[in-house]
Amino acid sequence: MNIIANEIGSEETLLFLTVGDEKEAGLFLLAGSVEAVENLGPRVAELLEGKGAGKRGRYQGKATKMSRRGEVQALLQEFISQQRDEA
């Protein structure tokens, strides 16, 4: 996942990548601006019923409920919409 994030390499892009079973456990990575990742990373981990840690615009962790990725997507879309409205 880090290789993909490195290839895209832009802090302007908010990335949410996952690997693992579609319904059960897996790994996730949230990458983007430091501010966005610090704000959203712990919330993503909570939604996925997992744990993680972050630094320098990346937050990665383990999740036990990958079936809740849709809820994470909604959270991220809401965040992006709010950022656009403020700009």
N, C-alpha and C. Protein backbone atom coordinates (compact mmCIF):
# COMPACT_ATOMS: atom_id res chain seq x y z
N MET A 1 0.82 -1.19 0.00
CA MET A 1 0.00 0.00 0.00
C MET A 1 0.87 1.26 0.00
N ASN A 2 1.97 1.21 0.74
CA ASN A 2 2.86 2.37 0.78
C ASN A 2 3.47 2.64 -0.58
N ILE A 3 3.74 1.60 -1.35
CA ILE A 3 4.30 1.79 -2.69
C ILE A 3 3.32 2.57 -3.56
N ILE A 4 2.06 2.22 -3.49
CA ILE A 4 1.03 2.93 -4.26
C ILE A 4 0.96 4.38 -3.82
N ALA A 5 0.93 4.61 -2.51
CA ALA A 5 0.88 5.97 -1.99
C ALA A 5 2.11 6.77 -2.42
N ASN A 6 3.28 6.14 -2.43
CA ASN A 6 4.50 6.82 -2.87
C ASN A 6 4.43 7.18 -4.34
N GLU A 7 3.87 6.30 -5.16
CA GLU A 7 3.77 6.57 -6.60
C GLU A 7 2.84 7.74 -6.88
N ILE A 8 1.75 7.82 -6.16
CA ILE A 8 0.83 8.95 -6.34
C ILE A 8 1.47 10.20 -5.76
N GLY A 9 2.01 10.06 -4.56
CA GLY A 9 2.89 11.03 -3.95
C GLY A 9 2.42 12.46 -3.76
N SER A 10 1.17 12.74 -3.77
CA SER A 10 0.71 14.11 -3.61
C SER A 10 -0.05 14.28 -2.31
N GLU A 11 0.35 15.28 -1.53
CA GLU A 11 -0.39 15.57 -0.31
C GLU A 11 -1.76 16.15 -0.63
N GLU A 12 -1.94 16.62 -1.85
CA GLU A 12 -3.22 17.20 -2.25
C GLU A 12 -4.28 16.13 -2.47
N THR A 13 -3.85 14.87 -2.59
CA THR A 13 -4.77 13.76 -2.84
C THR A 13 -4.95 12.98 -1.55
N LEU A 14 -6.20 12.76 -1.17
CA LEU A 14 -6.50 11.96 0.01
C LEU A 14 -6.71 10.52 -0.45
N LEU A 15 -5.86 9.61 0.02
CA LEU A 15 -5.93 8.21 -0.38
C LEU A 15 -6.43 7.35 0.76
N PHE A 16 -7.32 6.42 0.44
CA PHE A 16 -7.75 5.41 1.40
C PHE A 16 -7.59 4.07 0.71
N LEU A 17 -6.62 3.29 1.15
CA LEU A 17 -6.32 2.00 0.54
C LEU A 17 -6.53 0.89 1.56
N THR A 18 -7.06 -0.24 1.09
CA THR A 18 -7.26 -1.38 1.97
C THR A 18 -6.82 -2.66 1.27
N VAL A 19 -6.43 -3.63 2.08
CA VAL A 19 -6.16 -4.99 1.60
C VAL A 19 -6.72 -5.95 2.62
N GLY A 20 -7.15 -7.10 2.13
CA GLY A 20 -7.68 -8.10 3.05
C GLY A 20 -9.05 -8.57 2.63
N ASP A 21 -9.63 -9.39 3.46
CA ASP A 21 -10.94 -9.95 3.20
C ASP A 21 -11.98 -8.84 3.14
N GLU A 22 -12.89 -8.94 2.19
CA GLU A 22 -13.89 -7.90 1.98
C GLU A 22 -14.81 -7.70 3.18
N LYS A 23 -15.08 -8.73 3.94
CA LYS A 23 -16.03 -8.64 5.04
C LYS A 23 -15.38 -8.71 6.42
N GLU A 24 -14.17 -9.22 6.51
CA GLU A 24 -13.58 -9.48 7.82
C GLU A 24 -12.38 -8.57 8.08
N ALA A 25 -11.25 -9.15 8.45
CA ALA A 25 -10.07 -8.37 8.84
C ALA A 25 -9.23 -7.97 7.64
N GLY A 26 -8.45 -6.92 7.84
CA GLY A 26 -7.55 -6.46 6.80
C GLY A 26 -6.69 -5.32 7.29
N LEU A 27 -5.99 -4.71 6.36
CA LEU A 27 -5.12 -3.58 6.64
C LEU A 27 -5.61 -2.36 5.88
N PHE A 28 -5.33 -1.18 6.42
CA PHE A 28 -5.73 0.05 5.74
C PHE A 28 -4.63 1.08 5.82
N LEU A 29 -4.66 2.01 4.87
CA LEU A 29 -3.73 3.13 4.84
C LEU A 29 -4.51 4.36 4.42
N LEU A 30 -4.37 5.42 5.18
CA LEU A 30 -4.92 6.72 4.84
C LEU A 30 -3.74 7.65 4.64
N ALA A 31 -3.66 8.29 3.49
CA ALA A 31 -2.54 9.18 3.19
C ALA A 31 -3.07 10.47 2.60
N GLY A 32 -2.41 11.56 2.92
CA GLY A 32 -2.81 12.86 2.41
C GLY A 32 -2.11 13.96 3.19
N SER A 33 -2.75 15.11 3.27
CA SER A 33 -2.15 16.20 4.03
C SER A 33 -2.07 15.82 5.51
N VAL A 34 -1.08 16.36 6.19
CA VAL A 34 -0.88 16.04 7.61
C VAL A 34 -2.14 16.37 8.40
N GLU A 35 -2.72 17.53 8.14
CA GLU A 35 -3.92 17.95 8.87
C GLU A 35 -5.08 16.98 8.66
N ALA A 36 -5.33 16.60 7.43
CA ALA A 36 -6.43 15.68 7.13
C ALA A 36 -6.22 14.32 7.78
N VAL A 37 -5.01 13.80 7.67
CA VAL A 37 -4.72 12.47 8.21
C VAL A 37 -4.78 12.47 9.73
N GLU A 38 -4.27 13.52 10.37
CA GLU A 38 -4.35 13.59 11.83
C GLU A 38 -5.80 13.64 12.30
N ASN A 39 -6.64 14.32 11.55
CA ASN A 39 -8.05 14.44 11.89
C ASN A 39 -8.82 13.16 11.61
N LEU A 40 -8.59 12.56 10.46
CA LEU A 40 -9.40 11.43 10.00
C LEU A 40 -8.88 10.06 10.38
N GLY A 41 -7.58 9.91 10.54
CA GLY A 41 -6.99 8.60 10.80
C GLY A 41 -7.61 7.85 11.96
N PRO A 42 -7.66 8.46 13.15
CA PRO A 42 -8.27 7.75 14.28
C PRO A 42 -9.75 7.44 14.07
N ARG A 43 -10.45 8.31 13.35
CA ARG A 43 -11.87 8.07 13.08
C ARG A 43 -12.05 6.90 12.13
N VAL A 44 -11.16 6.78 11.14
CA VAL A 44 -11.19 5.65 10.22
C VAL A 44 -10.95 4.35 10.99
N ALA A 45 -9.95 4.34 11.84
CA ALA A 45 -9.65 3.15 12.64
C ALA A 45 -10.85 2.77 13.51
N GLU A 46 -11.49 3.75 14.09
CA GLU A 46 -12.67 3.49 14.93
C GLU A 46 -13.81 2.89 14.12
N LEU A 47 -14.07 3.45 12.95
CA LEU A 47 -15.15 2.93 12.10
C LEU A 47 -14.89 1.49 11.68
N LEU A 48 -13.64 1.17 11.40
CA LEU A 48 -13.28 -0.18 10.96
C LEU A 48 -13.02 -1.12 12.13
N GLU A 49 -13.27 -0.62 13.34
CA GLU A 49 -13.04 -1.39 14.56
C GLU A 49 -11.63 -1.96 14.58
N GLY A 50 -10.69 -1.06 14.34
CA GLY A 50 -9.29 -1.45 14.30
C GLY A 50 -8.43 -0.53 15.14
N LYS A 51 -7.15 -0.60 14.87
CA LYS A 51 -6.21 0.28 15.55
C LYS A 51 -5.11 0.63 14.57
N GLY A 52 -4.48 1.77 14.84
CA GLY A 52 -3.42 2.20 13.95
C GLY A 52 -2.64 3.35 14.53
N ALA A 53 -1.74 3.86 13.74
CA ALA A 53 -0.91 4.99 14.13
C ALA A 53 -0.50 5.74 12.87
N GLY A 54 -0.12 6.99 13.07
CA GLY A 54 0.26 7.77 11.92
C GLY A 54 1.34 8.77 12.20
N LYS A 55 1.98 9.20 11.12
CA LYS A 55 2.94 10.29 11.17
C LYS A 55 3.17 10.80 9.75
N ARG A 56 3.51 12.07 9.66
CA ARG A 56 3.86 12.71 8.38
C ARG A 56 2.87 12.42 7.25
N GLY A 57 1.58 12.57 7.52
CA GLY A 57 0.59 12.44 6.46
C GLY A 57 0.21 11.03 6.09
N ARG A 58 0.53 10.07 6.96
CA ARG A 58 0.13 8.67 6.72
C ARG A 58 -0.39 8.07 8.01
N TYR A 59 -1.48 7.33 7.90
CA TYR A 59 -2.05 6.62 9.05
C TYR A 59 -2.36 5.22 8.56
N GLN A 60 -1.76 4.23 9.19
CA GLN A 60 -2.01 2.85 8.76
C GLN A 60 -2.34 1.99 9.96
N GLY A 61 -3.11 0.95 9.69
CA GLY A 61 -3.48 0.09 10.79
C GLY A 61 -4.14 -1.20 10.35
N LYS A 62 -4.59 -1.93 11.36
CA LYS A 62 -5.31 -3.19 11.17
C LYS A 62 -6.78 -2.94 11.48
N ALA A 63 -7.64 -3.58 10.71
CA ALA A 63 -9.08 -3.43 10.90
C ALA A 63 -9.71 -4.81 11.07
N THR A 64 -10.76 -4.87 11.87
CA THR A 64 -11.47 -6.14 12.04
C THR A 64 -12.79 -6.16 11.30
N LYS A 65 -13.27 -5.00 10.85
CA LYS A 65 -14.57 -4.91 10.16
C LYS A 65 -14.42 -4.19 8.81
N MET A 66 -13.79 -4.86 7.87
CA MET A 66 -13.61 -4.26 6.55
C MET A 66 -14.95 -4.02 5.85
N SER A 67 -15.98 -4.68 6.30
CA SER A 67 -17.31 -4.49 5.71
C SER A 67 -17.82 -3.06 5.92
N ARG A 68 -17.17 -2.29 6.77
CA ARG A 68 -17.60 -0.92 7.05
C ARG A 68 -16.84 0.12 6.21
N ARG A 69 -16.19 -0.34 5.16
CA ARG A 69 -15.45 0.60 4.30
C ARG A 69 -16.36 1.65 3.68
N GLY A 70 -17.60 1.29 3.41
CA GLY A 70 -18.53 2.27 2.86
C GLY A 70 -18.76 3.44 3.80
N GLU A 71 -18.77 3.16 5.09
CA GLU A 71 -18.93 4.23 6.08
C GLU A 71 -17.70 5.14 6.08
N VAL A 72 -16.53 4.55 5.90
CA VAL A 72 -15.30 5.35 5.82
C VAL A 72 -15.35 6.21 4.57
N GLN A 73 -15.79 5.64 3.47
CA GLN A 73 -15.89 6.40 2.23
C GLN A 73 -16.81 7.60 2.41
N ALA A 74 -17.93 7.41 3.08
CA ALA A 74 -18.86 8.52 3.33
C ALA A 74 -18.20 9.59 4.19
N LEU A 75 -17.46 9.18 5.21
CA LEU A 75 -16.75 10.13 6.07
C LEU A 75 -15.75 10.94 5.26
N LEU A 76 -14.99 10.28 4.41
CA LEU A 76 -13.98 10.97 3.61
C LEU A 76 -14.62 11.92 2.59
N GLN A 77 -15.72 11.49 1.98
CA GLN A 77 -16.41 12.36 1.03
C GLN A 77 -16.97 13.60 1.73
N GLU A 78 -17.49 13.42 2.93
CA GLU A 78 -17.99 14.56 3.70
C GLU A 78 -16.85 15.53 4.02
N PHE A 79 -15.71 15.00 4.43
CA PHE A 79 -14.55 15.83 4.74
C PHE A 79 -14.11 16.62 3.51
N ILE A 80 -14.03 15.96 2.37
CA ILE A 80 -13.61 16.63 1.13
C ILE A 80 -14.60 17.71 0.75
N SER A 81 -15.89 17.44 0.88
CA SER A 81 -16.91 18.44 0.57
C SER A 81 -16.76 19.67 1.46
N GLN A 82 -16.51 19.45 2.74
CA GLN A 82 -16.32 20.57 3.67
C GLN A 82 -15.09 21.38 3.30
N GLN A 83 -14.02 20.71 2.88
CA GLN A 83 -12.80 21.41 2.49
C GLN A 83 -13.05 22.27 1.25
N ARG A 84 -13.82 21.75 0.31
CA ARG A 84 -14.13 22.51 -0.91
C ARG A 84 -14.98 23.73 -0.58
N ASP A 85 -15.94 23.56 0.34
CA ASP A 85 -16.81 24.67 0.71
C ASP A 85 -16.03 25.79 1.39
N GLU A 86 -14.98 25.44 2.13
CA GLU A 86 -14.17 26.43 2.82
C GLU A 86 -13.21 27.15 1.87
N ALA A 87 -12.91 26.52 0.75
CA ALA A 87 -11.93 27.10 -0.20
C ALA A 87 -12.53 28.17 -1.07
